[in-house]
Structure formats: C-alpha cells, structure tokens
Amino acid sequence: MVTDVSHRPHLRVGRSVGRSIDPVPAPPGSAAEALAPLVRAMVGSDLPVRFEFWDGSGIGPTDGSGTLEIRSPDALRWIMWAPGELGVARAFVSGDITVDGDLYSLLRVLQGSTPRDLRSIGLRTLPAILDAARRLGALGPPLPPPPEEARPAGRLHSPARDAKAISHHYDVGNDFYRLVLGPAMTYSCARFLSAETTLEEAQTAKHELICRKLGLHTRPGARLLDVGCGWGSMAMHAARQHGATVVGVALSREQVDEARRRVSEAHLDDQVEIRLQDYRDLHGETFDAISSIGMFEHVGASRMARYFETLFGLLTPTGRLLNHAISKPGGSFLGRRTFVGRYVFPDGELLDVSAVIRAMQEVGFEVRDVESLREHYSRTLHRWVSNLEEHWEEAVALVGRSRANIWRLYMAASANGFDDGGLAIHQVLGVVPEPDGFSGMPRTRADWG
C-alpha cells in the first residue's frame, strides 16, 4: 500500500500525492474505465465529485466540491470482502481512500447522491466489483482489519462490554483530547450565547444552564451525581460556582485519572469525588440532583428503563435529573457494519427523544422541560475540527494518522447531521415529585438564566 500522507489537514483527509486533476475521459484499460460502472452504481450517473485512481486516471467533474482519491487496488479488496459501508470505512482508515477538498461540502454532496442502504448497494454491485478487481489484478484474500477497528464481545450493553466500548473511544490519550476540546475539556454540546462566544465560554454556559435547571443555585451544598463525568468539568463547575458536593462516575480509566488530577489541582478534593464506577453499581446513596451529559448514547434502548429506574431510585423527593443526549427521529443503532459503529462509538445508540420522555415518565419522573441545542452542537463540532486541524501534526504524533483522520471525518459528518436536522441534541429535565405532587420547580424558565 501507499504510505505517504498529506500534511495539509485543512484540505485533506488521508494521503495525497499532489497531482493535478485530469479532465480527459478515462483512457481504455485504466482503473477509471474499469471502475466507472461501479462508481456510477453507487453514487449515480451524474457524478457529484471527482474520483481519481492510483494509476492517475479519473472520472467526474474537475470543478465540484472535491475529490475522492482511490489510492490503491487494495480499496477494491476491502469493499469486495465487506460490501458496503464497512468495506469503504476500512479502505478509508487504511489510507486506500482519501478525500481532497472542503470536507463538509464534499460529505454533503455525497450524502445527497448515495443511497441510504450502502450494504444492499454493495451486495448488488458485487459482480461489478469482482469483475473490476479481476481486470485490475486486485483479486486476493481478505486483508486484516485496521487495528483501530473495535469488535466488542459479550452480551450487548453488559457492564463488561460497555466498559470495553467506552475504553475504545475515550482511552486514546488525554493529551489528544486536550488538543481537540481545548481548555474546557468537555466532550459534549456547548451553548453559544453570541457569535463572539469562545468554545470555553460556551462550555461554561452549558454547565451553568444545567446547574440552574437542576436548581443547584438555590440549594448550596446540594449533593450532585454526574453520570459519565468525563474529565470532571461539570463536577468542578457545580462545586466551584454553587457549592455542590459532587460524585462523578465514569468507565474510562484515563478520564478518571485526569479528572482526579484536575480536581486536586483546583483544590476541590473536599467537594468532588471522582470514581471509576458503573452507574449500575450505585447502591444505598441518595442525591439531590443528577446530571447525565453525553453519556446516554452508550446506554441503549434495551437498558433505557433500567437506566432511568436506577437514577430515579437515587434521587430524594423533588430531586431532578437532567439528561443531555444526542437523539435521532425514529432512533438509530450504530451497527457493527457502519463506520461510526466500528471505529468511533461501538454499540452506540441514538434514541428518539419521544421514547426518552416516555421512559422517564414510566418510572415515575415528571418531565418538566425539553430543550433542543441542535445548532449549538454543529458550532461545537466545527470548533473541535478546527482545533484538530490547527494541531494536526501534534495530534498525529499522539494517536497516529489513521485515528486522527477517523476523528476528523466523524466530527465533520456529525456537524452536517446537526445542520440538516438528521441529528438532534436534547436536554430533558425530570423531577421526582412528592406524594402530594409538590415538585419544587420554579414557575418559569426565567429562574434558569
């Protein structure tokens, strides 16, 4: 395989040789000629972007949104042995497919022209793949999957399997996440109060909004549980700004170690305790409030009822839960044959917010507020991508070029998803009412700021 890589992350994902685009039709016997029927079967006869191949041939417009570069015949082997999205993902991660151009625009164009069921397209075009591979001398046994691929084993959403899935995504190095997330060290949707708001200010604004929704500003010394506490930013904000006593739990060893260090550095040890613990193992404790920020996507539909039952049982009367999670109309399981499911969030699930509300109510929560921050998440993701690009070579040195490319692609694609409404992010606030119905909730949202 070609091993050269680009040093221009603002333009490219993957590798490049810097050759110019050839507007001449694909010559006979070239890779472009052999693969043209396959490409058109997958993205339509009117090619939306340029496709260039390892032999210098190409097809498609020279003035479009960008170029997909098929860098090696091995790309065919990946797709041949795993037709559809998984094969394309493996070719991309291995560097046999790269992207040149405005990544956001190119992804939007491809999404609009590519059928949703990539697996069926792959299976239907398998004969064309085999014929092209034969003609180009690309037939061969399956290649070993890239080492960045996750294959968690065991019962879905069991504690052991969840811990492995969490480790795959979060235990890639605190230094890498510091480059991407910036000083806030917060891996969830921020809240931008103005066009001039910095990412760090926006994350603080998000934490403050959650604290106010939970009523921490009216109850100094309240006991807060932060489920999936990450690097401790929410816990530290609640303790520092509102005098809360906080327990944060997470399954990532690297996150917990860094969160404990940050808490100690901030001299908040007396107020904040960070545990390496599964929320399902919390027993015999009570809290005045619970925040769950960007963790619910790992719970799964089959465990949603138990999740809310567990949290409901940990709250005192009038206690509140703020569940902050990505949602998707109709729900979506990030399957094992998808790019995100295999390389980014194994076993992840995005649930419909209506199902979340119903599940909360069924265990006894009174749902008092639902707020979407969809546009805020797009802006957050754009800031993260910019941070990654600005520190590209340092990021590559920390986690390798393949993983840096994975993170950049998934964050850019996610930003597009929030832009077009295919993805959403909701904060759902529930309260445990007293037997007589008293909730302790304020009369209006004005109290939240």
Protein backbone atom coordinates (compact mmCIF):
# COMPACT_ATOMS: atom_id res chain seq x y z
CA MET A 1 0.00 0.00 0.00
CA VAL A 2 0.96 3.66 -0.43
CA THR A 3 2.18 5.02 2.91
CA ASP A 4 2.80 8.69 2.09
CA VAL A 5 0.45 11.05 3.93
CA SER A 6 -0.65 14.64 3.47
CA HIS A 7 0.45 17.44 5.77
CA ARG A 8 -2.48 19.67 4.79
CA PRO A 9 -5.32 18.66 7.14
CA HIS A 10 -7.35 21.73 6.25
CA LEU A 11 -7.69 20.32 2.75
CA ARG A 12 -7.31 16.59 3.06
CA VAL A 13 -8.32 13.53 5.00
CA GLY A 14 -5.83 10.78 4.28
CA ARG A 15 -2.94 10.78 1.83
CA SER A 16 -2.13 12.78 -1.25
CA VAL A 17 0.49 12.92 -3.95
CA GLY A 18 -0.47 16.42 -5.05
CA ARG A 19 -1.11 15.58 -8.70
CA SER A 20 -3.38 17.78 -10.82
CA ILE A 21 -6.85 16.69 -11.84
CA ASP A 22 -7.01 15.30 -15.38
CA PRO A 23 -10.20 16.41 -17.21
CA VAL A 24 -9.59 13.94 -20.07
CA PRO A 25 -12.05 10.98 -20.21
CA ALA A 26 -10.79 7.75 -18.69
CA PRO A 27 -8.45 6.01 -21.16
CA PRO A 28 -9.10 2.41 -22.19
CA GLY A 29 -7.65 -0.10 -19.79
CA SER A 30 -7.32 2.41 -16.95
CA ALA A 31 -8.60 1.98 -13.41
CA ALA A 32 -11.12 4.76 -14.07
CA GLU A 33 -12.58 2.90 -17.03
CA ALA A 34 -12.78 -0.39 -15.14
CA LEU A 35 -14.37 1.17 -12.08
CA ALA A 36 -16.69 3.72 -13.72
CA PRO A 37 -19.72 1.33 -13.76
CA LEU A 38 -19.22 0.54 -10.08
CA VAL A 39 -18.84 4.19 -9.08
CA ARG A 40 -21.95 5.21 -11.01
CA ALA A 41 -23.93 2.34 -9.49
CA MET A 42 -23.09 3.63 -6.02
CA VAL A 43 -23.45 7.40 -6.46
CA GLY A 44 -25.49 7.87 -9.63
CA SER A 45 -24.73 8.50 -13.27
CA ASP A 46 -24.16 12.23 -12.73
CA LEU A 47 -21.07 12.04 -10.60
CA PRO A 48 -21.23 14.70 -7.88
CA VAL A 49 -17.49 14.72 -7.17
CA ARG A 50 -14.23 13.80 -8.86
CA PHE A 51 -12.89 10.24 -8.48
CA GLU A 52 -9.17 9.73 -9.04
CA PHE A 53 -7.34 6.41 -9.05
CA TRP A 54 -3.89 5.08 -8.27
CA ASP A 55 -2.83 5.00 -11.92
CA GLY A 56 -3.53 8.71 -12.44
CA SER A 57 -6.83 8.23 -14.26
CA GLY A 58 -10.04 9.85 -13.09
CA ILE A 59 -13.71 10.47 -13.78
CA GLY A 60 -16.14 13.15 -12.66
CA PRO A 61 -16.19 16.95 -12.57
CA THR A 62 -12.99 18.91 -12.05
CA ASP A 63 -14.83 21.89 -10.56
CA GLY A 64 -17.01 20.14 -7.99
CA SER A 65 -16.89 20.01 -4.18
CA GLY A 66 -13.77 17.89 -4.06
CA THR A 67 -12.11 14.64 -4.99
CA LEU A 68 -12.21 11.09 -3.68
CA GLU A 69 -8.83 9.50 -4.26
CA ILE A 70 -8.72 5.72 -4.53
CA ARG A 71 -5.06 5.30 -3.74
CA SER A 72 -4.55 1.57 -4.15
CA PRO A 73 -6.17 -1.55 -5.65
CA ASP A 74 -6.50 -2.72 -2.06
CA ALA A 75 -9.55 -0.43 -1.80
CA LEU A 76 -11.34 -2.94 -4.04
CA ARG A 77 -10.30 -5.82 -1.80
CA TRP A 78 -11.72 -4.06 1.26
CA ILE A 79 -15.06 -3.44 -0.47
CA MET A 80 -15.11 -6.86 -2.15
CA TRP A 81 -14.80 -8.72 1.17
CA ALA A 82 -17.06 -6.34 3.13
CA PRO A 83 -19.51 -4.86 0.59
CA GLY A 84 -21.00 -1.54 1.56
CA GLU A 85 -20.10 0.95 4.26
CA LEU A 86 -17.79 -1.30 6.28
CA GLY A 87 -15.56 -2.00 3.28
CA VAL A 88 -15.42 1.67 2.37
CA ALA A 89 -14.64 2.52 6.01
CA ARG A 90 -11.76 0.05 6.10
CA ALA A 91 -10.35 1.45 2.87
CA PHE A 92 -10.56 4.96 4.29
CA VAL A 93 -9.00 4.07 7.64
CA SER A 94 -6.18 2.17 5.94
CA GLY A 95 -5.50 5.18 3.69
CA ASP A 96 -6.54 3.47 0.45
CA ILE A 97 -9.33 6.03 0.02
CA THR A 98 -8.67 9.70 0.80
CA VAL A 99 -10.57 12.95 0.50
CA ASP A 100 -9.35 16.21 -1.04
CA GLY A 101 -11.38 19.41 -0.80
CA ASP A 102 -13.85 21.07 1.55
CA LEU A 103 -14.73 18.12 3.76
CA TYR A 104 -18.11 19.45 4.93
CA SER A 105 -19.27 20.25 1.38
CA LEU A 106 -17.98 17.01 -0.08
CA LEU A 107 -19.73 14.94 2.59
CA ARG A 108 -22.99 16.81 1.99
CA VAL A 109 -22.81 16.18 -1.75
CA LEU A 110 -22.03 12.50 -1.31
CA GLN A 111 -24.79 12.05 1.23
CA GLY A 112 -27.29 13.56 -1.16
CA SER A 113 -26.33 11.24 -4.01
CA THR A 114 -25.56 7.96 -2.25
CA PRO A 115 -28.40 5.52 -1.44
CA ARG A 116 -29.01 5.12 2.28
CA ASP A 117 -28.64 1.34 2.28
CA LEU A 118 -24.99 1.07 1.34
CA ARG A 119 -24.88 -2.63 2.20
CA SER A 120 -27.54 -3.55 -0.33
CA ILE A 121 -25.77 -1.41 -2.93
CA GLY A 122 -22.55 -3.23 -2.16
CA LEU A 123 -24.15 -6.65 -2.48
CA ARG A 124 -25.94 -5.71 -5.69
CA THR A 125 -22.73 -4.42 -7.22
CA LEU A 126 -20.55 -7.28 -6.01
CA PRO A 127 -20.30 -8.82 -9.51
CA ALA A 128 -19.05 -5.47 -10.84
CA ILE A 129 -16.54 -5.27 -8.01
CA LEU A 130 -15.25 -8.76 -8.75
CA ASP A 131 -15.01 -8.07 -12.48
CA ALA A 132 -13.14 -4.79 -11.92
CA ALA A 133 -10.82 -6.41 -9.39
CA ARG A 134 -10.04 -9.22 -11.85
CA ARG A 135 -9.32 -6.79 -14.68
CA LEU A 136 -7.08 -4.66 -12.46
CA GLY A 137 -5.25 -7.53 -10.81
CA ALA A 138 -6.72 -6.72 -7.40
CA LEU A 139 -8.16 -10.12 -6.53
CA GLY A 140 -6.81 -11.60 -3.35
CA PRO A 141 -7.68 -12.88 0.12
CA PRO A 142 -9.23 -10.56 2.71
CA LEU A 143 -6.90 -8.07 4.34
CA PRO A 144 -6.66 -7.96 8.16
CA PRO A 145 -8.91 -5.20 9.55
CA PRO A 146 -7.17 -1.97 10.54
CA PRO A 147 -6.02 -2.04 14.19
CA GLU A 148 -8.28 0.93 15.02
CA GLU A 149 -11.36 -1.25 14.48
CA ALA A 150 -13.43 -2.18 17.53
CA ARG A 151 -15.14 -5.54 17.94
CA PRO A 152 -16.51 -5.70 21.49
CA ALA A 153 -17.54 -9.20 22.53
CA GLY A 154 -20.04 -10.43 25.08
CA ARG A 155 -23.66 -9.59 25.81
CA LEU A 156 -24.70 -6.25 24.35
CA HIS A 157 -24.65 -3.47 26.97
CA SER A 158 -23.42 -5.77 29.71
CA PRO A 159 -21.13 -3.94 32.16
CA ALA A 160 -18.01 -5.68 30.82
CA ARG A 161 -18.83 -5.00 27.17
CA ASP A 162 -19.84 -1.39 27.86
CA ALA A 163 -16.51 -0.83 29.61
CA LYS A 164 -14.64 -2.08 26.54
CA ALA A 165 -16.69 0.08 24.20
CA ILE A 166 -16.10 3.15 26.36
CA SER A 167 -12.38 2.44 26.55
CA HIS A 168 -12.15 2.20 22.75
CA HIS A 169 -13.37 5.75 22.31
CA TYR A 170 -12.13 7.59 25.37
CA ASP A 171 -8.88 5.88 26.31
CA VAL A 172 -6.93 7.21 23.34
CA GLY A 173 -4.96 9.75 25.33
CA ASN A 174 -5.89 12.78 27.40
CA ASP A 175 -3.33 14.88 25.52
CA PHE A 176 -5.14 14.18 22.25
CA TYR A 177 -8.49 15.20 23.67
CA ARG A 178 -6.92 18.32 25.15
CA LEU A 179 -5.90 19.36 21.63
CA VAL A 180 -9.40 18.79 20.28
CA LEU A 181 -11.53 20.04 23.17
CA GLY A 182 -9.41 22.93 24.33
CA PRO A 183 -9.09 24.14 27.93
CA ALA A 184 -12.72 23.31 28.78
CA MET A 185 -12.01 19.55 28.42
CA THR A 186 -15.70 18.99 27.82
CA TYR A 187 -16.82 16.44 25.23
CA SER A 188 -20.44 17.45 24.72
CA CYS A 189 -22.51 20.17 23.06
CA ALA A 190 -21.65 23.68 24.20
CA ARG A 191 -24.05 26.64 24.42
CA PHE A 192 -23.06 29.73 22.45
CA LEU A 193 -24.70 32.85 23.83
CA SER A 194 -23.41 35.05 21.00
CA ALA A 195 -21.41 34.88 17.79
CA GLU A 196 -18.33 36.03 19.71
CA THR A 197 -18.58 33.36 22.41
CA THR A 198 -15.45 31.22 22.65
CA LEU A 199 -15.67 27.45 22.95
CA GLU A 200 -14.51 27.58 26.57
CA GLU A 201 -17.11 30.23 27.41
CA ALA A 202 -19.79 28.23 25.64
CA GLN A 203 -18.99 25.09 27.63
CA THR A 204 -19.16 27.11 30.85
CA ALA A 205 -22.53 28.49 29.74
CA LYS A 206 -23.78 24.96 29.14
CA HIS A 207 -22.64 23.80 32.58
CA GLU A 208 -24.26 26.82 34.22
CA LEU A 209 -27.56 26.22 32.40
CA ILE A 210 -27.59 22.63 33.64
CA CYS A 211 -26.80 23.69 37.19
CA ARG A 212 -29.70 26.14 37.09
CA LYS A 213 -32.10 23.62 35.60
CA LEU A 214 -31.14 21.30 38.45
CA GLY A 215 -31.71 24.08 40.97
CA LEU A 216 -28.18 23.98 42.38
CA HIS A 217 -28.04 27.78 42.54
CA THR A 218 -30.90 27.75 45.06
CA ARG A 219 -29.50 24.94 47.24
CA PRO A 220 -25.85 25.49 48.21
CA GLY A 221 -24.34 22.23 49.40
CA ALA A 222 -26.71 20.07 47.36
CA ARG A 223 -25.43 16.59 46.54
CA LEU A 224 -24.97 16.07 42.79
CA LEU A 225 -24.27 12.86 40.88
CA ASP A 226 -22.61 13.39 37.49
CA VAL A 227 -23.06 10.21 35.44
CA GLY A 228 -20.37 9.79 32.79
CA CYS A 229 -18.40 12.66 34.31
CA GLY A 230 -15.65 12.66 31.67
CA TRP A 231 -12.73 14.83 32.71
CA GLY A 232 -14.67 16.35 35.61
CA SER A 233 -15.57 19.74 34.12
CA MET A 234 -19.27 19.71 35.09
CA ALA A 235 -18.48 18.42 38.57
CA MET A 236 -15.89 21.13 39.11
CA HIS A 237 -18.21 23.86 37.85
CA ALA A 238 -21.04 22.78 40.16
CA ALA A 239 -18.71 22.64 43.15
CA ARG A 240 -16.90 25.89 42.45
CA GLN A 241 -19.87 28.03 41.38
CA HIS A 242 -22.68 26.59 43.51
CA GLY A 243 -21.04 24.91 46.47
CA ALA A 244 -22.32 21.48 45.44
CA THR A 245 -20.92 18.24 46.79
CA VAL A 246 -20.37 16.09 43.73
CA VAL A 247 -19.79 12.43 42.94
CA GLY A 248 -18.68 11.83 39.36
CA VAL A 249 -18.62 8.32 37.86
CA ALA A 250 -17.10 7.15 34.59
CA LEU A 251 -15.83 3.94 32.95
CA SER A 252 -12.76 5.37 31.25
CA ARG A 253 -9.64 4.88 33.34
CA GLU A 254 -7.80 7.69 31.54
CA GLN A 255 -10.68 10.10 32.04
CA VAL A 256 -10.95 9.27 35.73
CA ASP A 257 -7.22 9.69 36.31
CA GLU A 258 -7.21 13.08 34.58
CA ALA A 259 -10.42 14.21 36.30
CA ARG A 260 -8.94 13.40 39.70
CA ARG A 261 -5.80 15.34 38.81
CA ARG A 262 -7.81 18.37 37.70
CA VAL A 263 -9.98 18.27 40.82
CA SER A 264 -6.90 18.16 43.04
CA GLU A 265 -5.23 20.95 41.09
CA ALA A 266 -8.35 23.09 41.60
CA HIS A 267 -8.30 22.34 45.36
CA LEU A 268 -11.79 20.84 45.19
CA ASP A 269 -10.99 17.45 46.76
CA ASP A 270 -13.29 18.17 49.72
CA GLN A 271 -16.25 18.73 47.40
CA VAL A 272 -15.68 16.47 44.39
CA GLU A 273 -15.15 12.70 44.34
CA ILE A 274 -14.37 11.00 41.02
CA ARG A 275 -14.95 7.25 40.81
CA LEU A 276 -14.17 4.58 38.24
CA GLN A 277 -17.62 3.09 38.55
CA ASP A 278 -20.61 1.93 36.51
CA TYR A 279 -23.82 3.80 37.30
CA ARG A 280 -25.48 0.39 37.74
CA ASP A 281 -23.28 -0.22 40.78
CA LEU A 282 -24.53 2.81 42.70
CA HIS A 283 -26.45 1.47 45.69
CA GLY A 284 -27.59 2.89 49.02
CA GLU A 285 -26.80 6.50 48.12
CA THR A 286 -29.09 9.47 47.63
CA PHE A 287 -28.62 12.67 45.69
CA ASP A 288 -30.46 15.96 45.31
CA ALA A 289 -29.70 16.17 41.60
CA ILE A 290 -28.25 14.08 38.77
CA SER A 291 -26.63 15.29 35.56
CA SER A 292 -26.02 12.91 32.67
CA ILE A 293 -24.25 14.76 29.85
CA GLY A 294 -23.26 12.92 26.68
CA MET A 295 -23.35 9.51 28.34
CA PHE A 296 -26.86 8.29 27.48
CA GLU A 297 -25.83 7.40 23.90
CA HIS A 298 -23.97 4.40 25.38
CA VAL A 299 -26.95 3.08 27.39
CA GLY A 300 -29.02 1.50 24.61
CA ALA A 301 -32.76 1.04 24.13
CA SER A 302 -32.76 -2.33 25.86
CA ARG A 303 -31.25 -0.81 29.02
CA MET A 304 -33.08 2.52 28.99
CA ALA A 305 -35.76 1.51 31.50
CA ARG A 306 -33.19 0.19 33.96
CA TYR A 307 -31.10 3.32 33.50
CA PHE A 308 -33.95 5.63 34.45
CA GLU A 309 -35.13 3.31 37.24
CA THR A 310 -31.64 3.37 38.75
CA LEU A 311 -31.35 7.14 38.60
CA PHE A 312 -34.89 7.66 39.89
CA GLY A 313 -34.09 5.47 42.90
CA LEU A 314 -31.01 7.56 43.74
CA LEU A 315 -32.90 10.87 43.98
CA THR A 316 -34.56 12.42 47.00
CA PRO A 317 -38.13 13.77 46.68
CA THR A 318 -38.09 16.91 44.48
CA GLY A 319 -34.70 15.73 43.16
CA ARG A 320 -34.06 16.47 39.50
CA LEU A 321 -32.42 14.64 36.59
CA LEU A 322 -31.03 16.45 33.56
CA ASN A 323 -30.48 14.01 30.68
CA HIS A 324 -28.42 15.64 27.91
CA ALA A 325 -28.10 13.35 24.89
CA ILE A 326 -27.93 13.16 21.12
CA SER A 327 -31.23 11.99 19.65
CA LYS A 328 -32.49 10.95 16.25
CA PRO A 329 -36.04 10.83 14.92
CA GLY A 330 -37.04 7.19 14.95
CA GLY A 331 -33.83 6.18 16.73
CA SER A 332 -30.70 4.64 15.29
CA PHE A 333 -28.38 1.81 16.31
CA LEU A 334 -24.80 2.42 15.20
CA GLY A 335 -24.37 -1.04 13.72
CA ARG A 336 -21.26 -3.17 13.52
CA ARG A 337 -21.01 -2.67 9.74
CA THR A 338 -21.00 1.12 9.89
CA PHE A 339 -18.04 3.48 10.06
CA VAL A 340 -19.15 5.07 13.33
CA GLY A 341 -20.18 1.77 14.90
CA ARG A 342 -16.91 0.02 14.11
CA TYR A 343 -14.40 2.85 14.51
CA VAL A 344 -15.91 5.57 16.68
CA PHE A 345 -18.74 4.58 19.05
CA PRO A 346 -19.10 0.78 19.17
CA ASP A 347 -22.53 -0.27 20.43
CA GLY A 348 -23.73 3.34 20.43
CA GLU A 349 -27.44 4.07 20.06
CA LEU A 350 -29.25 7.33 19.32
CA LEU A 351 -32.80 7.24 20.65
CA ASP A 352 -35.85 9.25 19.70
CA VAL A 353 -36.48 11.97 22.30
CA SER A 354 -40.13 10.90 22.50
CA ALA A 355 -39.01 7.44 23.66
CA VAL A 356 -36.76 9.07 26.26
CA ILE A 357 -39.61 11.17 27.65
CA ARG A 358 -41.94 8.18 27.77
CA ALA A 359 -39.36 6.02 29.53
CA MET A 360 -38.71 8.72 32.14
CA GLN A 361 -42.41 9.10 32.85
CA GLU A 362 -42.95 5.36 33.10
CA VAL A 363 -40.50 5.04 36.01
CA GLY A 364 -42.03 7.98 37.88
CA PHE A 365 -40.28 11.13 36.66
CA GLU A 366 -42.40 14.16 35.93
CA VAL A 367 -40.89 15.64 32.78
CA ARG A 368 -40.80 19.41 33.21
CA ASP A 369 -38.69 20.72 30.35
CA VAL A 370 -37.30 19.66 26.97
CA GLU A 371 -34.83 21.85 25.07
CA SER A 372 -33.02 21.27 21.78
CA LEU A 373 -29.50 22.63 21.28
CA ARG A 374 -29.10 21.28 17.73
CA GLU A 375 -27.48 24.31 16.11
CA HIS A 376 -25.16 24.69 19.10
CA TYR A 377 -23.77 21.20 18.53
CA SER A 378 -22.89 21.98 14.92
CA ARG A 379 -20.93 25.02 16.05
CA THR A 380 -19.25 22.97 18.79
CA LEU A 381 -18.15 20.33 16.30
CA HIS A 382 -16.79 22.93 13.90
CA ARG A 383 -14.67 24.31 16.74
CA TRP A 384 -13.37 20.84 17.59
CA VAL A 385 -12.46 20.15 13.96
CA SER A 386 -10.66 23.49 13.76
CA ASN A 387 -8.72 22.66 16.93
CA LEU A 388 -7.71 19.30 15.46
CA GLU A 389 -6.61 20.86 12.19
CA GLU A 390 -4.62 23.59 13.91
CA HIS A 391 -2.70 20.96 15.91
CA TRP A 392 -2.70 18.29 13.21
CA GLU A 393 0.89 17.08 13.35
CA GLU A 394 0.86 17.01 17.13
CA ALA A 395 -2.39 15.01 17.07
CA VAL A 396 -0.93 12.55 14.55
CA ALA A 397 2.14 12.12 16.75
CA LEU A 398 -0.12 11.32 19.70
CA VAL A 399 -2.65 8.89 18.20
CA GLY A 400 -1.47 8.13 14.65
CA ARG A 401 -2.71 9.48 11.34
CA SER A 402 -5.47 6.90 10.90
CA ARG A 403 -7.14 7.70 14.22
CA ALA A 404 -6.75 11.46 13.69
CA ASN A 405 -8.44 11.04 10.29
CA ILE A 406 -11.23 8.99 11.87
CA TRP A 407 -11.97 11.66 14.43
CA ARG A 408 -11.91 14.46 11.87
CA LEU A 409 -14.24 12.63 9.49
CA TYR A 410 -16.77 11.63 12.13
CA MET A 411 -16.87 15.12 13.68
CA ALA A 412 -17.33 16.82 10.29
CA ALA A 413 -20.04 14.35 9.25
CA SER A 414 -21.77 14.83 12.61
CA ALA A 415 -21.72 18.61 12.17
CA ASN A 416 -23.52 18.15 8.85
CA GLY A 417 -26.04 15.90 10.58
CA PHE A 418 -26.89 18.57 13.11
CA ASP A 419 -27.06 21.19 10.35
CA ASP A 420 -29.62 19.29 8.27
CA GLY A 421 -31.68 18.02 11.21
CA GLY A 422 -30.82 14.36 10.80
CA LEU A 423 -29.35 14.55 14.30
CA ALA A 424 -30.58 16.46 17.33
CA ILE A 425 -29.47 17.06 20.90
CA HIS A 426 -31.99 17.38 23.73
CA GLN A 427 -31.84 18.25 27.38
CA VAL A 428 -34.74 16.55 29.15
CA LEU A 429 -35.40 17.64 32.73
CA GLY A 430 -37.30 15.36 35.06
CA VAL A 431 -38.24 15.72 38.73
CA VAL A 432 -39.24 13.23 41.44
CA PRO A 433 -42.48 14.71 42.81
CA GLU A 434 -43.51 14.29 46.42
CA PRO A 435 -46.57 12.12 47.11
CA ASP A 436 -48.80 15.21 47.24
CA GLY A 437 -47.49 16.35 43.84
CA PHE A 438 -45.18 19.09 45.10
CA SER A 439 -42.24 19.37 42.71
CA GLY A 440 -40.21 22.30 43.99
CA MET A 441 -39.89 23.55 40.42
CA PRO A 442 -39.80 27.29 39.65
CA ARG A 443 -42.79 28.82 37.97
CA THR A 444 -40.96 29.90 34.83
CA ARG A 445 -37.72 29.33 32.94
CA ALA A 446 -36.60 32.85 33.84
CA ASP A 447 -35.06 31.43 37.01
CA TRP A 448 -32.57 29.48 34.89
CA GLY A 449 -30.90 32.47 33.26
